[in-house]
Amino acid sequence: MLRLTLEIVPMGQEDHKRTIGVMKIANVSEDFSLDDDQGNYEFNFTTETTRHEGKLWKWPRRLGAWKLIQSCLQVIHGESPLKEHGDVKDS
């Protein structure tokens, strides 16, 4: 699982920091028909006022964690993740 914590640190003062969002991304692949190059992921993103959830199926792992995070954010905003990769879809 990946967990990203977004904090605001006013004027760089750590003692005043507060969390404004948390994203969790979990590999839920149980389908042994997937090879090591792909994974199925469920994610949620929580802020002080909202919660979003989504899924990415058949994610090409070669693209790395940062592209995975980017695609999760695209799904949250109603965009199609990684349009250039036909094998990736949100569900």
C-alpha atoms as a PDB file:
ATOM      1  CA  MET A   1       0.000   0.000   0.000  1.00  0.00           C
ATOM      2  CA  LEU A   2       1.082   3.538  -0.709  1.00  0.00           C
ATOM      3  CA  ARG A   3       0.041   6.286   1.693  1.00  0.00           C
ATOM      4  CA  LEU A   4       0.553   9.952   0.874  1.00  0.00           C
ATOM      5  CA  THR A   5      -0.015  12.577   3.520  1.00  0.00           C
ATOM      6  CA  LEU A   6      -0.402  16.185   2.406  1.00  0.00           C
ATOM      7  CA  GLU A   7       0.491  18.708   5.068  1.00  0.00           C
ATOM      8  CA  ILE A   8       0.505  22.462   5.197  1.00  0.00           C
ATOM      9  CA  VAL A   9       3.419  23.921   7.171  1.00  0.00           C
ATOM     10  CA  PRO A  10       2.770  27.645   7.690  1.00  0.00           C
ATOM     11  CA  MET A  11       5.976  29.621   7.171  1.00  0.00           C
ATOM     12  CA  GLY A  12       7.955  26.396   7.528  1.00  0.00           C
ATOM     13  CA  GLN A  13       7.102  26.083  11.214  1.00  0.00           C
ATOM     14  CA  GLU A  14       6.748  22.359  11.915  1.00  0.00           C
ATOM     15  CA  ASP A  15       4.937  22.914  15.196  1.00  0.00           C
ATOM     16  CA  HIS A  16       2.083  24.568  13.251  1.00  0.00           C
ATOM     17  CA  LYS A  17       1.728  21.907  10.548  1.00  0.00           C
ATOM     18  CA  ARG A  18      -1.574  20.212   9.900  1.00  0.00           C
ATOM     19  CA  THR A  19      -2.713  17.454   7.593  1.00  0.00           C
ATOM     20  CA  ILE A  20      -5.021  18.599   4.814  1.00  0.00           C
ATOM     21  CA  GLY A  21      -5.300  15.329   2.890  1.00  0.00           C
ATOM     22  CA  VAL A  22      -4.410  11.639   2.838  1.00  0.00           C
ATOM     23  CA  MET A  23      -4.394   9.300  -0.156  1.00  0.00           C
ATOM     24  CA  LYS A  24      -4.151   5.526   0.218  1.00  0.00           C
ATOM     25  CA  ILE A  25      -3.543   3.252  -2.761  1.00  0.00           C
ATOM     26  CA  ALA A  26      -3.839  -0.502  -2.247  1.00  0.00           C
ATOM     27  CA  ASN A  27      -2.881  -3.316  -4.603  1.00  0.00           C
ATOM     28  CA  VAL A  28      -5.949  -5.577  -4.637  1.00  0.00           C
ATOM     29  CA  SER A  29      -4.788  -7.950  -7.367  1.00  0.00           C
ATOM     30  CA  GLU A  30      -6.151 -11.406  -6.675  1.00  0.00           C
ATOM     31  CA  ASP A  31      -6.514 -12.395 -10.307  1.00  0.00           C
ATOM     32  CA  PHE A  32      -3.637 -14.714 -11.122  1.00  0.00           C
ATOM     33  CA  SER A  33      -4.285 -14.135 -14.829  1.00  0.00           C
ATOM     34  CA  LEU A  34      -2.472 -10.789 -14.400  1.00  0.00           C
ATOM     35  CA  ASP A  35       1.253 -10.955 -14.899  1.00  0.00           C
ATOM     36  CA  ASP A  36       3.869  -9.169 -12.810  1.00  0.00           C
ATOM     37  CA  ASP A  37       3.674  -6.208 -15.195  1.00  0.00           C
ATOM     38  CA  GLN A  38       0.117  -5.258 -14.204  1.00  0.00           C
ATOM     39  CA  GLY A  39      -1.788  -4.627 -11.001  1.00  0.00           C
ATOM     40  CA  ASN A  40      -5.288  -3.784  -9.821  1.00  0.00           C
ATOM     41  CA  TYR A  41      -5.530  -0.873  -7.396  1.00  0.00           C
ATOM     42  CA  GLU A  42      -8.201   0.693  -5.222  1.00  0.00           C
ATOM     43  CA  PHE A  43      -7.626   4.120  -3.758  1.00  0.00           C
ATOM     44  CA  ASN A  44      -9.213   6.723  -1.543  1.00  0.00           C
ATOM     45  CA  PHE A  45      -8.417  10.354  -0.991  1.00  0.00           C
ATOM     46  CA  THR A  46      -9.689  12.106   2.119  1.00  0.00           C
ATOM     47  CA  THR A  47      -9.570  15.794   2.991  1.00  0.00           C
ATOM     48  CA  GLU A  48     -11.104  17.687   5.869  1.00  0.00           C
ATOM     49  CA  THR A  49     -14.385  17.970   3.949  1.00  0.00           C
ATOM     50  CA  THR A  50     -14.463  15.297   1.224  1.00  0.00           C
ATOM     51  CA  ARG A  51     -13.713  11.675   0.445  1.00  0.00           C
ATOM     52  CA  HIS A  52     -13.130  10.201  -3.018  1.00  0.00           C
ATOM     53  CA  GLU A  53     -12.695   6.560  -3.986  1.00  0.00           C
ATOM     54  CA  GLY A  54     -11.786   4.820  -7.202  1.00  0.00           C
ATOM     55  CA  LYS A  55     -10.147   1.890  -8.945  1.00  0.00           C
ATOM     56  CA  LEU A  56      -7.509   1.372 -11.608  1.00  0.00           C
ATOM     57  CA  TRP A  57      -7.524  -2.061 -13.232  1.00  0.00           C
ATOM     58  CA  LYS A  58      -4.674  -3.606 -15.213  1.00  0.00           C
ATOM     59  CA  TRP A  59      -2.301  -0.813 -14.253  1.00  0.00           C
ATOM     60  CA  PRO A  60       1.072  -1.048 -16.069  1.00  0.00           C
ATOM     61  CA  ARG A  61       3.494  -1.129 -13.131  1.00  0.00           C
ATOM     62  CA  ARG A  62       6.436  -0.109 -15.329  1.00  0.00           C
ATOM     63  CA  LEU A  63       5.085   3.467 -15.200  1.00  0.00           C
ATOM     64  CA  GLY A  64       5.962   3.771 -11.514  1.00  0.00           C
ATOM     65  CA  ALA A  65       4.401   5.135  -8.360  1.00  0.00           C
ATOM     66  CA  TRP A  66       4.218   8.800  -9.399  1.00  0.00           C
ATOM     67  CA  LYS A  67       2.221   8.005 -12.556  1.00  0.00           C
ATOM     68  CA  LEU A  68      -0.051   5.803 -10.447  1.00  0.00           C
ATOM     69  CA  ILE A  69      -0.680   8.739  -8.100  1.00  0.00           C
ATOM     70  CA  GLN A  70      -1.264  11.056 -11.064  1.00  0.00           C
ATOM     71  CA  SER A  71      -3.802   8.663 -12.561  1.00  0.00           C
ATOM     72  CA  CYS A  72      -5.662   8.324  -9.254  1.00  0.00           C
ATOM     73  CA  LEU A  73      -5.985  12.113  -9.138  1.00  0.00           C
ATOM     74  CA  GLN A  74      -7.215  12.129 -12.741  1.00  0.00           C
ATOM     75  CA  VAL A  75      -9.949   9.640 -11.851  1.00  0.00           C
ATOM     76  CA  ILE A  76     -10.976  11.800  -8.871  1.00  0.00           C
ATOM     77  CA  HIS A  77     -11.338  14.783 -11.226  1.00  0.00           C
ATOM     78  CA  GLY A  78     -13.364  12.819 -13.793  1.00  0.00           C
ATOM     79  CA  GLU A  79     -10.571  12.527 -16.330  1.00  0.00           C
ATOM     80  CA  SER A  80      -9.526   9.376 -18.132  1.00  0.00           C
ATOM     81  CA  PRO A  81      -6.167   8.205 -16.763  1.00  0.00           C
ATOM     82  CA  LEU A  82      -3.313   7.769 -19.204  1.00  0.00           C
ATOM     83  CA  LYS A  83      -5.259   7.998 -22.428  1.00  0.00           C
ATOM     84  CA  GLU A  84      -2.174   6.881 -24.331  1.00  0.00           C
ATOM     85  CA  HIS A  85      -2.392   3.440 -22.678  1.00  0.00           C
ATOM     86  CA  GLY A  86      -5.364   1.536 -24.043  1.00  0.00           C
ATOM     87  CA  ASP A  87      -5.049  -1.197 -21.420  1.00  0.00           C
ATOM     88  CA  VAL A  88      -5.679   1.178 -18.509  1.00  0.00           C
ATOM     89  CA  LYS A  89      -9.216   2.014 -17.428  1.00  0.00           C
ATOM     90  CA  ASP A  90     -10.910   3.235 -14.336  1.00  0.00           C
ATOM     91  CA  SER A  91     -13.880   1.267 -13.083  1.00  0.00           C
END
